[in-house]
PDB file of N, CA and C in Angstrom:
ATOM      1  N   MET A   1      -3.299  -0.985  -0.261  1.00  0.00           N
ATOM      2  CA  MET A   1      -4.508  -1.656  -0.650  1.00  0.00           C
ATOM      3  C   MET A   1      -5.501  -1.685   0.515  1.00  0.00           C
ATOM      4  N   ALA A   2      -4.995  -1.934   1.722  1.00  0.00           N
ATOM      5  CA  ALA A   2      -5.855  -1.874   2.902  1.00  0.00           C
ATOM      6  C   ALA A   2      -5.845  -0.438   3.437  1.00  0.00           C
ATOM      7  N   PRO A   3      -6.924  -0.041   4.111  1.00  0.00           N
ATOM      8  CA  PRO A   3      -6.984   1.335   4.612  1.00  0.00           C
ATOM      9  C   PRO A   3      -5.972   1.625   5.717  1.00  0.00           C
ATOM     10  N   GLU A   4      -5.629   0.616   6.511  1.00  0.00           N
ATOM     11  CA  GLU A   4      -4.681   0.780   7.611  1.00  0.00           C
ATOM     12  C   GLU A   4      -3.422  -0.034   7.326  1.00  0.00           C
ATOM     13  N   PRO A   5      -2.263   0.464   7.734  1.00  0.00           N
ATOM     14  CA  PRO A   5      -1.037  -0.322   7.541  1.00  0.00           C
ATOM     15  C   PRO A   5      -1.110  -1.636   8.317  1.00  0.00           C
ATOM     16  N   GLY A   6      -0.629  -2.691   7.683  1.00  0.00           N
ATOM     17  CA  GLY A   6      -0.596  -3.998   8.332  1.00  0.00           C
ATOM     18  C   GLY A   6       0.687  -4.174   9.121  1.00  0.00           C
ATOM     19  N   LYS A   7       0.784  -5.319   9.786  1.00  0.00           N
ATOM     20  CA  LYS A   7       1.937  -5.556  10.647  1.00  0.00           C
ATOM     21  C   LYS A   7       3.235  -5.731   9.870  1.00  0.00           C
ATOM     22  N   TYR A   8       3.165  -6.013   8.581  1.00  0.00           N
ATOM     23  CA  TYR A   8       4.370  -6.143   7.767  1.00  0.00           C
ATOM     24  C   TYR A   8       4.454  -5.069   6.679  1.00  0.00           C
ATOM     25  N   ASP A   9       3.695  -3.994   6.828  1.00  0.00           N
ATOM     26  CA  ASP A   9       3.688  -2.934   5.826  1.00  0.00           C
ATOM     27  C   ASP A   9       5.049  -2.241   5.708  1.00  0.00           C
ATOM     28  N   ASP A  10       5.715  -1.997   6.836  1.00  0.00           N
ATOM     29  CA  ASP A  10       7.037  -1.367   6.783  1.00  0.00           C
ATOM     30  C   ASP A  10       8.031  -2.232   6.015  1.00  0.00           C
ATOM     31  N   LEU A  11       7.973  -3.534   6.231  1.00  0.00           N
ATOM     32  CA  LEU A  11       8.862  -4.457   5.515  1.00  0.00           C
ATOM     33  C   LEU A  11       8.550  -4.450   4.022  1.00  0.00           C
ATOM     34  N   CYS A  12       7.271  -4.430   3.672  1.00  0.00           N
ATOM     35  CA  CYS A  12       6.874  -4.390   2.266  1.00  0.00           C
ATOM     36  C   CYS A  12       7.357  -3.101   1.610  1.00  0.00           C
ATOM     37  N   THR A  13       7.243  -1.990   2.327  1.00  0.00           N
ATOM     38  CA  THR A  13       7.751  -0.715   1.802  1.00  0.00           C
ATOM     39  C   THR A  13       9.241  -0.811   1.533  1.00  0.00           C
ATOM     40  N   HIS A  14       9.970  -1.383   2.475  1.00  0.00           N
ATOM     41  CA  HIS A  14      11.423  -1.530   2.315  1.00  0.00           C
ATOM     42  C   HIS A  14      11.751  -2.380   1.080  1.00  0.00           C
ATOM     43  N   VAL A  15      11.080  -3.491   0.940  1.00  0.00           N
ATOM     44  CA  VAL A  15      11.321  -4.381  -0.202  1.00  0.00           C
ATOM     45  C   VAL A  15      11.006  -3.657  -1.511  1.00  0.00           C
ATOM     46  N   ARG A  16       9.851  -2.988  -1.576  1.00  0.00           N
ATOM     47  CA  ARG A  16       9.441  -2.287  -2.799  1.00  0.00           C
ATOM     48  C   ARG A  16      10.436  -1.194  -3.163  1.00  0.00           C
ATOM     49  N   GLU A  17      10.854  -0.413  -2.166  1.00  0.00           N
ATOM     50  CA  GLU A  17      11.788   0.688  -2.441  1.00  0.00           C
ATOM     51  C   GLU A  17      13.171   0.173  -2.832  1.00  0.00           C
ATOM     52  N   GLN A  18      13.668  -0.860  -2.160  1.00  0.00           N
ATOM     53  CA  GLN A  18      14.982  -1.401  -2.488  1.00  0.00           C
ATOM     54  C   GLN A  18      15.003  -2.001  -3.889  1.00  0.00           C
ATOM     55  N   ALA A  19      13.870  -2.548  -4.316  1.00  0.00           N
ATOM     56  CA  ALA A  19      13.778  -3.137  -5.649  1.00  0.00           C
ATOM     57  C   ALA A  19      13.427  -2.093  -6.716  1.00  0.00           C
ATOM     58  N   CYS A  20      13.164  -0.854  -6.287  1.00  0.00           N
ATOM     59  CA  CYS A  20      12.697   0.197  -7.216  1.00  0.00           C
ATOM     60  C   CYS A  20      11.512  -0.321  -8.028  1.00  0.00           C
ATOM     61  N   ALA A  21      10.585  -0.968  -7.335  1.00  0.00           N
ATOM     62  CA  ALA A  21       9.470  -1.649  -7.986  1.00  0.00           C
ATOM     63  C   ALA A  21       8.190  -0.827  -7.955  1.00  0.00           C
ATOM     64  N   ASP A  22       7.300  -1.122  -8.889  1.00  0.00           N
ATOM     65  CA  ASP A  22       5.986  -0.496  -8.924  1.00  0.00           C
ATOM     66  C   ASP A  22       5.056  -1.081  -7.869  1.00  0.00           C
ATOM     67  N   GLY A  23       5.353  -2.286  -7.435  1.00  0.00           N
ATOM     68  CA  GLY A  23       4.516  -2.925  -6.425  1.00  0.00           C
ATOM     69  C   GLY A  23       5.270  -4.066  -5.772  1.00  0.00           C
ATOM     70  N   ALA A  24       4.728  -4.543  -4.653  1.00  0.00           N
ATOM     71  CA  ALA A  24       5.346  -5.658  -3.944  1.00  0.00           C
ATOM     72  C   ALA A  24       4.289  -6.413  -3.147  1.00  0.00           C
ATOM     73  N   VAL A  25       4.537  -7.697  -2.997  1.00  0.00           N
ATOM     74  CA  VAL A  25       3.738  -8.552  -2.134  1.00  0.00           C
ATOM     75  C   VAL A  25       4.719  -9.272  -1.222  1.00  0.00           C
ATOM     76  N   VAL A  26       4.522  -9.145   0.077  1.00  0.00           N
ATOM     77  CA  VAL A  26       5.366  -9.830   1.057  1.00  0.00           C
ATOM     78  C   VAL A  26       4.462 -10.761   1.853  1.00  0.00           C
ATOM     79  N   VAL A  27       4.819 -12.036   1.901  1.00  0.00           N
ATOM     80  CA  VAL A  27       4.077 -13.031   2.668  1.00  0.00           C
ATOM     81  C   VAL A  27       5.018 -13.587   3.728  1.00  0.00           C
ATOM     82  N   ILE A  28       4.572 -13.574   4.971  1.00  0.00           N
ATOM     83  CA  ILE A  28       5.394 -14.028   6.086  1.00  0.00           C
ATOM     84  C   ILE A  28       4.699 -15.210   6.761  1.00  0.00           C
ATOM     85  N   PHE A  29       5.466 -16.264   6.994  1.00  0.00           N
ATOM     86  CA  PHE A  29       4.972 -17.441   7.702  1.00  0.00           C
ATOM     87  C   PHE A  29       5.688 -17.523   9.048  1.00  0.00           C
ATOM     88  N   GLY A  30       4.962 -17.390  10.132  1.00  0.00           N
ATOM     89  CA  GLY A  30       5.534 -17.533  11.459  1.00  0.00           C
ATOM     90  C   GLY A  30       6.587 -16.492  11.803  1.00  0.00           C
ATOM     91  N   GLY A  31       6.402 -15.254  11.375  1.00  0.00           N
ATOM     92  CA  GLY A  31       7.351 -14.186  11.669  1.00  0.00           C
ATOM     93  C   GLY A  31       7.223 -13.665  13.092  1.00  0.00           C
ATOM     94  N   LYS A  32       8.014 -12.656  13.414  1.00  0.00           N
ATOM     95  CA  LYS A  32       7.998 -12.139  14.787  1.00  0.00           C
ATOM     96  C   LYS A  32       6.665 -11.499  15.165  1.00  0.00           C
ATOM     97  N   PHE A  33       5.872 -11.126  14.180  1.00  0.00           N
ATOM     98  CA  PHE A  33       4.526 -10.603  14.437  1.00  0.00           C
ATOM     99  C   PHE A  33       3.460 -11.628  14.055  1.00  0.00           C
ATOM    100  N   GLY A  34       3.874 -12.869  13.883  1.00  0.00           N
ATOM    101  CA  GLY A  34       2.955 -13.910  13.433  1.00  0.00           C
ATOM    102  C   GLY A  34       2.949 -13.971  11.912  1.00  0.00           C
ATOM    103  N   SER A  35       2.064 -14.768  11.377  1.00  0.00           N
ATOM    104  CA  SER A  35       1.949 -14.882   9.925  1.00  0.00           C
ATOM    105  C   SER A  35       1.119 -13.718   9.397  1.00  0.00           C
ATOM    106  N   GLY A  36       1.388 -13.328   8.163  1.00  0.00           N
ATOM    107  CA  GLY A  36       0.633 -12.241   7.560  1.00  0.00           C
ATOM    108  C   GLY A  36       1.190 -11.870   6.209  1.00  0.00           C
ATOM    109  N   PHE A  37       0.614 -10.853   5.624  1.00  0.00           N
ATOM    110  CA  PHE A  37       1.088 -10.392   4.323  1.00  0.00           C
ATOM    111  C   PHE A  37       0.840  -8.904   4.179  1.00  0.00           C
ATOM    112  N   SER A  38       1.545  -8.328   3.230  1.00  0.00           N
ATOM    113  CA  SER A  38       1.353  -6.922   2.890  1.00  0.00           C
ATOM    114  C   SER A  38       1.444  -6.786   1.380  1.00  0.00           C
ATOM    115  N   VAL A  39       0.601  -5.952   0.827  1.00  0.00           N
ATOM    116  CA  VAL A  39       0.577  -5.694  -0.617  1.00  0.00           C
ATOM    117  C   VAL A  39       0.644  -4.191  -0.815  1.00  0.00           C
ATOM    118  N   GLN A  40       1.516  -3.765  -1.707  1.00  0.00           N
ATOM    119  CA  GLN A  40       1.611  -2.339  -2.035  1.00  0.00           C
ATOM    120  C   GLN A  40       1.686  -2.164  -3.543  1.00  0.00           C
ATOM    121  N   VAL A  41       0.999  -1.155  -4.021  1.00  0.00           N
ATOM    122  CA  VAL A  41       1.046  -0.771  -5.425  1.00  0.00           C
ATOM    123  C   VAL A  41       1.384   0.708  -5.464  1.00  0.00           C
ATOM    124  N   GLY A  42       2.434   1.056  -6.181  1.00  0.00           N
ATOM    125  CA  GLY A  42       2.864   2.439  -6.259  1.00  0.00           C
ATOM    126  C   GLY A  42       1.971   3.281  -7.149  1.00  0.00           C
ATOM    127  N   ASP A  43       2.120   4.575  -7.032  1.00  0.00           N
ATOM    128  CA  ASP A  43       1.321   5.524  -7.810  1.00  0.00           C
ATOM    129  C   ASP A  43       1.586   5.423  -9.307  1.00  0.00           C
ATOM    130  N   ARG A  44       2.772   4.922  -9.677  1.00  0.00           N
ATOM    131  CA  ARG A  44       3.127   4.836 -11.100  1.00  0.00           C
ATOM    132  C   ARG A  44       2.420   3.698 -11.820  1.00  0.00           C
ATOM    133  N   ALA A  45       1.794   2.778 -11.075  1.00  0.00           N
ATOM    134  CA  ALA A  45       1.171   1.609 -11.695  1.00  0.00           C
ATOM    135  C   ALA A  45      -0.216   1.344 -11.113  1.00  0.00           C
ATOM    136  N   PRO A  46      -1.143   2.272 -11.285  1.00  0.00           N
ATOM    137  CA  PRO A  46      -2.463   2.102 -10.663  1.00  0.00           C
ATOM    138  C   PRO A  46      -3.224   0.880 -11.170  1.00  0.00           C
ATOM    139  N   ASN A  47      -2.973   0.429 -12.394  1.00  0.00           N
ATOM    140  CA  ASN A  47      -3.671  -0.731 -12.946  1.00  0.00           C
ATOM    141  C   ASN A  47      -3.150  -2.045 -12.386  1.00  0.00           C
ATOM    142  N   LEU A  48      -2.023  -2.000 -11.719  1.00  0.00           N
ATOM    143  CA  LEU A  48      -1.444  -3.217 -11.152  1.00  0.00           C
ATOM    144  C   LEU A  48      -2.381  -3.853 -10.129  1.00  0.00           C
ATOM    145  N   ALA A  49      -3.077  -3.063  -9.361  1.00  0.00           N
ATOM    146  CA  ALA A  49      -3.998  -3.594  -8.351  1.00  0.00           C
ATOM    147  C   ALA A  49      -5.093  -4.439  -8.998  1.00  0.00           C
ATOM    148  N   ARG A  50      -5.562  -4.030 -10.159  1.00  0.00           N
ATOM    149  CA  ARG A  50      -6.591  -4.805 -10.855  1.00  0.00           C
ATOM    150  C   ARG A  50      -6.046  -6.107 -11.405  1.00  0.00           C
ATOM    151  N   LYS A  51      -4.756  -6.132 -11.745  1.00  0.00           N
ATOM    152  CA  LYS A  51      -4.129  -7.336 -12.296  1.00  0.00           C
ATOM    153  C   LYS A  51      -3.655  -8.299 -11.204  1.00  0.00           C
ATOM    154  N   LEU A  52      -3.607  -7.846  -9.965  1.00  0.00           N
ATOM    155  CA  LEU A  52      -3.027  -8.639  -8.891  1.00  0.00           C
ATOM    156  C   LEU A  52      -3.688 -10.004  -8.706  1.00  0.00           C
ATOM    157  N   PRO A  53      -5.016 -10.127  -8.690  1.00  0.00           N
ATOM    158  CA  PRO A  53      -5.608 -11.466  -8.542  1.00  0.00           C
ATOM    159  C   PRO A  53      -5.129 -12.442  -9.626  1.00  0.00           C
ATOM    160  N   GLU A  54      -5.054 -11.983 -10.858  1.00  0.00           N
ATOM    161  CA  GLU A  54      -4.579 -12.832 -11.952  1.00  0.00           C
ATOM    162  C   GLU A  54      -3.115 -13.236 -11.737  1.00  0.00           C
ATOM    163  N   ILE A  55      -2.304 -12.295 -11.298  1.00  0.00           N
ATOM    164  CA  ILE A  55      -0.886 -12.571 -11.026  1.00  0.00           C
ATOM    165  C   ILE A  55      -0.753 -13.599  -9.911  1.00  0.00           C
ATOM    166  N   LEU A  56      -1.534 -13.442  -8.844  1.00  0.00           N
ATOM    167  CA  LEU A  56      -1.466 -14.368  -7.724  1.00  0.00           C
ATOM    168  C   LEU A  56      -1.955 -15.760  -8.104  1.00  0.00           C
ATOM    169  N   ARG A  57      -2.983 -15.848  -8.948  1.00  0.00           N
ATOM    170  CA  ARG A  57      -3.446 -17.155  -9.419  1.00  0.00           C
ATOM    171  C   ARG A  57      -2.369 -17.851 -10.234  1.00  0.00           C
ATOM    172  N   ALA A  58      -1.679 -17.095 -11.087  1.00  0.00           N
ATOM    173  CA  ALA A  58      -0.590 -17.673 -11.878  1.00  0.00           C
ATOM    174  C   ALA A  58       0.540 -18.149 -10.961  1.00  0.00           C
ATOM    175  N   MET A  59       0.844 -17.370  -9.939  1.00  0.00           N
ATOM    176  CA  MET A  59       1.866 -17.788  -8.969  1.00  0.00           C
ATOM    177  C   MET A  59       1.449 -19.072  -8.272  1.00  0.00           C
ATOM    178  N   ALA A  60       0.185 -19.152  -7.866  1.00  0.00           N
ATOM    179  CA  ALA A  60      -0.316 -20.342  -7.176  1.00  0.00           C
ATOM    180  C   ALA A  60      -0.200 -21.572  -8.071  1.00  0.00           C
ATOM    181  N   ARG A  61      -0.535 -21.437  -9.353  1.00  0.00           N
ATOM    182  CA  ARG A  61      -0.404 -22.565 -10.286  1.00  0.00           C
ATOM    183  C   ARG A  61       1.047 -23.016 -10.386  1.00  0.00           C
ATOM    184  N   GLN A  62       1.968 -22.058 -10.480  1.00  0.00           N
ATOM    185  CA  GLN A  62       3.389 -22.399 -10.578  1.00  0.00           C
ATOM    186  C   GLN A  62       3.875 -23.099  -9.310  1.00  0.00           C
ATOM    187  N   ILE A  63       3.422 -22.648  -8.163  1.00  0.00           N
ATOM    188  CA  ILE A  63       3.810 -23.274  -6.897  1.00  0.00           C
ATOM    189  C   ILE A  63       3.272 -24.704  -6.842  1.00  0.00           C
ATOM    190  N   GLU A  64       2.009 -24.877  -7.227  1.00  0.00           N
ATOM    191  CA  GLU A  64       1.411 -26.231  -7.230  1.00  0.00           C
ATOM    192  C   GLU A  64       2.172 -27.165  -8.159  1.00  0.00           C
ATOM    193  N   GLU A  65       2.540 -26.678  -9.344  1.00  0.00           N
ATOM    194  CA  GLU A  65       3.265 -27.503 -10.311  1.00  0.00           C
ATOM    195  C   GLU A  65       4.644 -27.881  -9.802  1.00  0.00           C
ATOM    196  N   SER A  66       5.317 -26.948  -9.183  1.00  0.00           N
ATOM    197  CA  SER A  66       6.683 -27.224  -8.720  1.00  0.00           C
ATOM    198  C   SER A  66       6.679 -28.081  -7.447  1.00  0.00           C
ATOM    199  N   ALA A  67       5.594 -28.030  -6.693  1.00  0.00           N
ATOM    200  CA  ALA A  67       5.512 -28.824  -5.457  1.00  0.00           C
ATOM    201  C   ALA A  67       5.156 -30.290  -5.746  1.00  0.00           C
ATOM    202  N   GLY A  68       4.674 -30.535  -6.958  1.00  0.00           N
ATOM    203  CA  GLY A  68       4.354 -31.902  -7.360  1.00  0.00           C
ATOM    204  C   GLY A  68       3.064 -32.322  -6.821  1.00  0.00           C
TER     205      GLY A  68
END
């Protein structure tokens, strides 16, 4: 999604490949390279990038609800 690989891009690639997934989002809090995130969308699911904001908003709502 970004033009240059981020500091956690290798980890995101590993997660996506191990899960045999079309895409992955990895969020790191206080990791060895500091906090950050990486997002990847595979070639098999080009429309996933357009749906990502909606998916993340739904995740945020679920987190807010479960956190009370």
